[in-house]
Amino acid sequence: MPYLLKQQLPPDIVLLHTCPPVGDALSLGTEVNILPAAIESVRARGGLVIAQINPRMPYTYGDAVLACDAIDLAIEVDEPLASPVPRPVGDLAREIGERVAGLVSEGATMQLGIGAVPDTVLVALTGRRGLGVWSEMFSDGVLGLERAGALDNRNPVTASFVFGSAELYAWVDRNPRVRLLRTEKTNEPGLIARQRSLISVNSALQIDLYAQANASRVRGVI
């Protein structure tokens, strides 16, 4: 997407959801993702950058930090941030999570998807020590690891966006232990390869006999 935004799909307007300014900067908060690339592209062609400023949006560091003069227009709102709907964890997901957790060594770096299985894996990992997080996203399970003392506090929790509860958003607010980077960094194979003992945990909707996984959409079958 960042390459498309620079070439085939340059935007005319970029609408952001940010926290209020702190000094001469504000933050993209819970989602960095492809937004820095979109901002760079729209400013290069003289388009508009509009910020929806919400006091409930946390201030996060890394590539989330944006100079106030990068904003052309601002709109003030006060509304809750989106959170996933809590779902009960079944016995099957719990059993899978515990088995996967058994493959994770002390000091490993975790890449996490979203869903019942990644969540149950993190619950089962609270007894580990020295864990790291390098992931496109993370949710409340990482907060559970932090509270259990399972994370290595020498390295920041690194991701491109956060999706979770209001409690998680409060934890990431102005927390130097959390660093949100643009997608070109979190998903770059060379940077991923530098992480210590990386373990990737993701859910799939379907898997075939060739071990190809579908994680996006299931079409109806007659």
Protein backbone atom coordinates (compact mmCIF):
# COMPACT_ATOMS: atom_id res chain seq x y z
CA MET A 1 0.00 0.00 0.00
CA PRO A 2 2.71 2.63 0.72
CA TYR A 3 4.08 2.14 -2.81
CA LEU A 4 0.58 2.37 -4.32
CA LEU A 5 -0.04 5.61 -2.40
CA LYS A 6 3.13 7.10 -3.89
CA GLN A 7 2.47 5.91 -7.44
CA GLN A 8 -0.88 4.59 -8.73
CA LEU A 9 -3.18 5.75 -5.90
CA PRO A 10 -1.98 9.15 -4.62
CA PRO A 11 -4.62 10.62 -2.26
CA ASP A 12 -6.10 14.12 -2.46
CA ILE A 13 -7.17 14.17 1.22
CA VAL A 14 -5.99 12.21 4.25
CA LEU A 15 -8.21 12.11 7.34
CA LEU A 16 -6.47 11.20 10.60
CA HIS A 17 -7.72 10.34 14.09
CA THR A 18 -5.24 11.84 16.55
CA CYS A 19 -4.77 12.82 20.18
CA PRO A 20 -4.67 16.51 21.19
CA PRO A 21 -1.37 18.32 20.60
CA VAL A 22 1.41 18.00 23.16
CA GLY A 23 3.72 20.95 22.59
CA ASP A 24 4.30 21.24 18.86
CA ALA A 25 3.42 17.61 18.08
CA LEU A 26 0.50 15.24 18.19
CA SER A 27 0.24 11.48 17.83
CA LEU A 28 -1.59 9.08 15.54
CA GLY A 29 -2.33 7.09 18.67
CA THR A 30 -3.53 3.55 18.19
CA GLU A 31 -2.82 3.22 14.46
CA VAL A 32 0.24 4.17 12.44
CA ASN A 33 0.14 1.51 9.72
CA ILE A 34 0.19 3.11 6.22
CA LEU A 35 -0.76 6.60 7.44
CA PRO A 36 2.77 8.14 7.34
CA ALA A 37 3.07 7.10 3.68
CA ALA A 38 -0.37 8.58 2.95
CA ILE A 39 0.57 11.87 4.64
CA GLU A 40 3.84 12.10 2.71
CA SER A 41 2.07 11.40 -0.58
CA VAL A 42 -0.77 13.88 -0.09
CA ARG A 43 1.58 16.67 1.04
CA ALA A 44 3.86 16.06 -1.95
CA ARG A 45 0.94 16.78 -4.30
CA GLY A 46 -0.47 19.71 -2.32
CA GLY A 47 -3.51 17.92 -0.90
CA LEU A 48 -5.16 18.27 2.49
CA VAL A 49 -4.36 16.60 5.81
CA ILE A 50 -7.34 16.77 8.18
CA ALA A 51 -7.09 15.63 11.80
CA GLN A 52 -9.98 14.53 13.99
CA ILE A 53 -8.62 15.39 17.45
CA ASN A 54 -9.97 13.19 20.23
CA PRO A 55 -8.91 13.51 23.90
CA ARG A 56 -9.53 9.77 24.35
CA MET A 57 -6.86 8.88 21.80
CA PRO A 58 -3.59 7.89 23.53
CA TYR A 59 -0.30 9.56 22.75
CA THR A 60 2.07 6.92 21.39
CA TYR A 61 5.69 7.20 20.30
CA GLY A 62 7.76 6.17 17.30
CA ASP A 63 6.40 6.96 13.85
CA ALA A 64 3.08 7.89 15.48
CA VAL A 65 4.46 11.33 16.40
CA LEU A 66 3.48 14.00 13.89
CA ALA A 67 4.38 17.70 13.81
CA CYS A 68 1.36 19.97 14.25
CA ASP A 69 2.30 21.96 11.15
CA ALA A 70 1.69 18.83 9.06
CA ILE A 71 -2.07 19.33 9.71
CA ASP A 72 -4.08 21.68 7.46
CA LEU A 73 -7.46 21.44 9.20
CA ALA A 74 -8.59 20.04 12.55
CA ILE A 75 -11.94 18.88 13.94
CA GLU A 76 -12.47 18.34 17.67
CA VAL A 77 -14.48 15.34 18.86
CA ASP A 78 -14.88 13.41 22.11
CA GLU A 79 -15.90 9.83 21.49
CA PRO A 80 -14.87 6.33 22.66
CA LEU A 81 -12.34 4.41 20.61
CA ALA A 82 -13.33 1.18 18.91
CA SER A 83 -12.63 -2.03 20.84
CA PRO A 84 -13.09 -5.70 19.92
CA VAL A 85 -16.19 -7.43 21.25
CA PRO A 86 -15.15 -9.79 24.09
CA ARG A 87 -15.78 -13.43 23.22
CA PRO A 88 -15.66 -16.45 25.51
CA VAL A 89 -12.67 -18.74 24.99
CA GLY A 90 -13.68 -22.34 24.35
CA ASP A 91 -11.90 -25.47 25.50
CA LEU A 92 -10.55 -26.18 22.00
CA ALA A 93 -8.93 -22.75 21.64
CA ARG A 94 -7.51 -23.04 25.14
CA GLU A 95 -6.00 -26.46 24.38
CA ILE A 96 -4.48 -25.19 21.12
CA GLY A 97 -3.09 -22.13 22.89
CA GLU A 98 -1.43 -24.20 25.59
CA ARG A 99 0.16 -26.54 23.03
CA VAL A 100 1.48 -23.63 20.95
CA ALA A 101 2.81 -21.93 24.08
CA GLY A 102 4.80 -25.06 24.82
CA LEU A 103 6.84 -24.36 21.66
CA VAL A 104 7.86 -20.86 22.82
CA SER A 105 11.21 -20.62 24.59
CA GLU A 106 12.33 -18.14 27.21
CA GLY A 107 13.42 -14.84 25.64
CA ALA A 108 11.56 -15.38 22.36
CA THR A 109 10.15 -12.50 20.31
CA MET A 110 6.43 -12.78 19.57
CA GLN A 111 4.56 -11.81 16.41
CA LEU A 112 0.84 -11.99 17.09
CA GLY A 113 -2.39 -12.05 15.17
CA ILE A 114 -5.83 -11.40 16.58
CA GLY A 115 -8.32 -13.99 17.74
CA ALA A 116 -8.94 -16.62 20.37
CA VAL A 117 -5.85 -18.73 19.67
CA PRO A 118 -3.25 -15.91 19.86
CA ASP A 119 -4.98 -14.63 22.99
CA THR A 120 -4.89 -18.02 24.71
CA VAL A 121 -1.23 -18.45 23.74
CA LEU A 122 -0.37 -15.21 25.53
CA VAL A 123 -2.31 -16.25 28.62
CA ALA A 124 -0.30 -19.48 28.70
CA LEU A 125 2.97 -17.53 28.39
CA THR A 126 2.64 -15.43 31.54
CA GLY A 127 5.12 -17.70 33.30
CA ARG A 128 7.89 -17.06 30.74
CA ARG A 129 10.52 -14.35 31.15
CA GLY A 130 12.40 -12.05 28.78
CA LEU A 131 9.81 -12.14 25.99
CA GLY A 132 9.78 -9.49 23.26
CA VAL A 133 7.05 -8.28 20.91
CA TRP A 134 7.62 -7.32 17.26
CA SER A 135 4.30 -7.48 15.47
CA GLU A 136 2.07 -5.65 13.03
CA MET A 137 -0.50 -5.35 15.83
CA PHE A 138 -1.15 -6.40 19.40
CA SER A 139 -4.08 -6.52 21.79
CA ASP A 140 -4.79 -7.03 25.49
CA GLY A 141 -2.79 -10.24 25.76
CA VAL A 142 0.44 -8.22 25.65
CA LEU A 143 -0.76 -6.14 28.61
CA GLY A 144 -1.26 -9.41 30.49
CA LEU A 145 2.36 -10.39 29.75
CA GLU A 146 3.56 -7.00 30.99
CA ARG A 147 1.67 -7.31 34.27
CA ALA A 148 2.98 -10.83 34.79
CA GLY A 149 6.58 -9.67 34.35
CA ALA A 150 7.01 -11.83 31.25
CA LEU A 151 8.28 -9.08 28.94
CA ASP A 152 11.88 -7.94 28.56
CA ASN A 153 11.75 -4.33 29.77
CA ARG A 154 15.00 -3.51 27.97
CA ASN A 155 13.29 -3.59 24.58
CA PRO A 156 10.14 -1.71 23.53
CA VAL A 157 6.94 -3.45 22.50
CA THR A 158 6.96 -2.71 18.75
CA ALA A 159 3.95 -2.79 16.42
CA SER A 160 2.15 -0.76 13.78
CA PHE A 161 -1.27 -0.56 15.41
CA VAL A 162 -3.08 -1.48 18.63
CA PHE A 163 -6.63 -2.83 18.94
CA GLY A 164 -8.01 -3.65 22.35
CA SER A 165 -9.80 -2.45 25.44
CA ALA A 166 -9.90 1.02 26.99
CA GLU A 167 -7.55 -0.39 29.64
CA LEU A 168 -5.00 -1.27 26.95
CA TYR A 169 -5.29 2.19 25.40
CA ALA A 170 -4.66 3.75 28.82
CA TRP A 171 -1.51 1.60 29.18
CA VAL A 172 -0.02 2.65 25.84
CA ASP A 173 -0.71 6.36 26.48
CA ARG A 174 2.67 8.15 26.81
CA ASN A 175 4.31 4.81 27.58
CA PRO A 176 7.96 4.78 26.43
CA ARG A 177 7.86 0.97 26.54
CA VAL A 178 5.56 0.99 23.48
CA ARG A 179 6.74 2.06 20.02
CA LEU A 180 4.43 2.18 16.99
CA LEU A 181 6.17 2.16 13.60
CA ARG A 182 5.02 2.47 10.01
CA THR A 183 4.15 -0.75 8.21
CA GLU A 184 7.24 -0.58 5.99
CA LYS A 185 9.32 -1.17 9.14
CA THR A 186 7.27 -3.66 11.17
CA ASN A 187 6.63 -5.85 8.11
CA GLU A 188 10.06 -5.53 6.50
CA PRO A 189 11.64 -9.02 6.24
CA GLY A 190 15.17 -7.78 7.03
CA LEU A 191 14.08 -6.12 10.26
CA ILE A 192 11.95 -9.10 11.23
CA ALA A 193 14.94 -11.40 10.69
CA ARG A 194 16.97 -9.43 13.25
CA GLN A 195 14.56 -10.21 16.06
CA ARG A 196 15.68 -12.77 18.62
CA SER A 197 14.03 -16.22 18.33
CA LEU A 198 10.96 -14.93 16.51
CA ILE A 199 7.77 -16.96 16.97
CA SER A 200 4.76 -16.08 14.81
CA VAL A 201 1.28 -16.95 16.12
CA ASN A 202 -1.71 -16.34 13.83
CA SER A 203 -5.15 -17.81 13.29
CA ALA A 204 -6.37 -19.16 9.95
CA LEU A 205 -9.91 -19.69 8.69
CA GLN A 206 -8.98 -22.58 6.41
CA ILE A 207 -5.94 -24.68 5.59
CA ASP A 208 -5.55 -27.12 2.70
CA LEU A 209 -3.52 -30.29 2.20
CA TYR A 210 -0.61 -28.24 0.84
CA ALA A 211 -0.45 -26.26 4.11
CA GLN A 212 -1.73 -23.10 2.41
CA ALA A 213 -3.57 -20.94 4.95
CA ASN A 214 -6.52 -18.63 4.29
CA ALA A 215 -6.70 -15.90 6.93
CA SER A 216 -8.99 -13.42 5.18
CA ARG A 217 -12.40 -14.61 4.03
CA VAL A 218 -14.48 -17.74 3.56
CA ARG A 219 -16.94 -17.76 0.69
CA GLY A 220 -20.20 -19.61 0.97
CA VAL A 221 -20.08 -23.21 -0.29
CA ILE A 222 -23.12 -24.95 -1.78
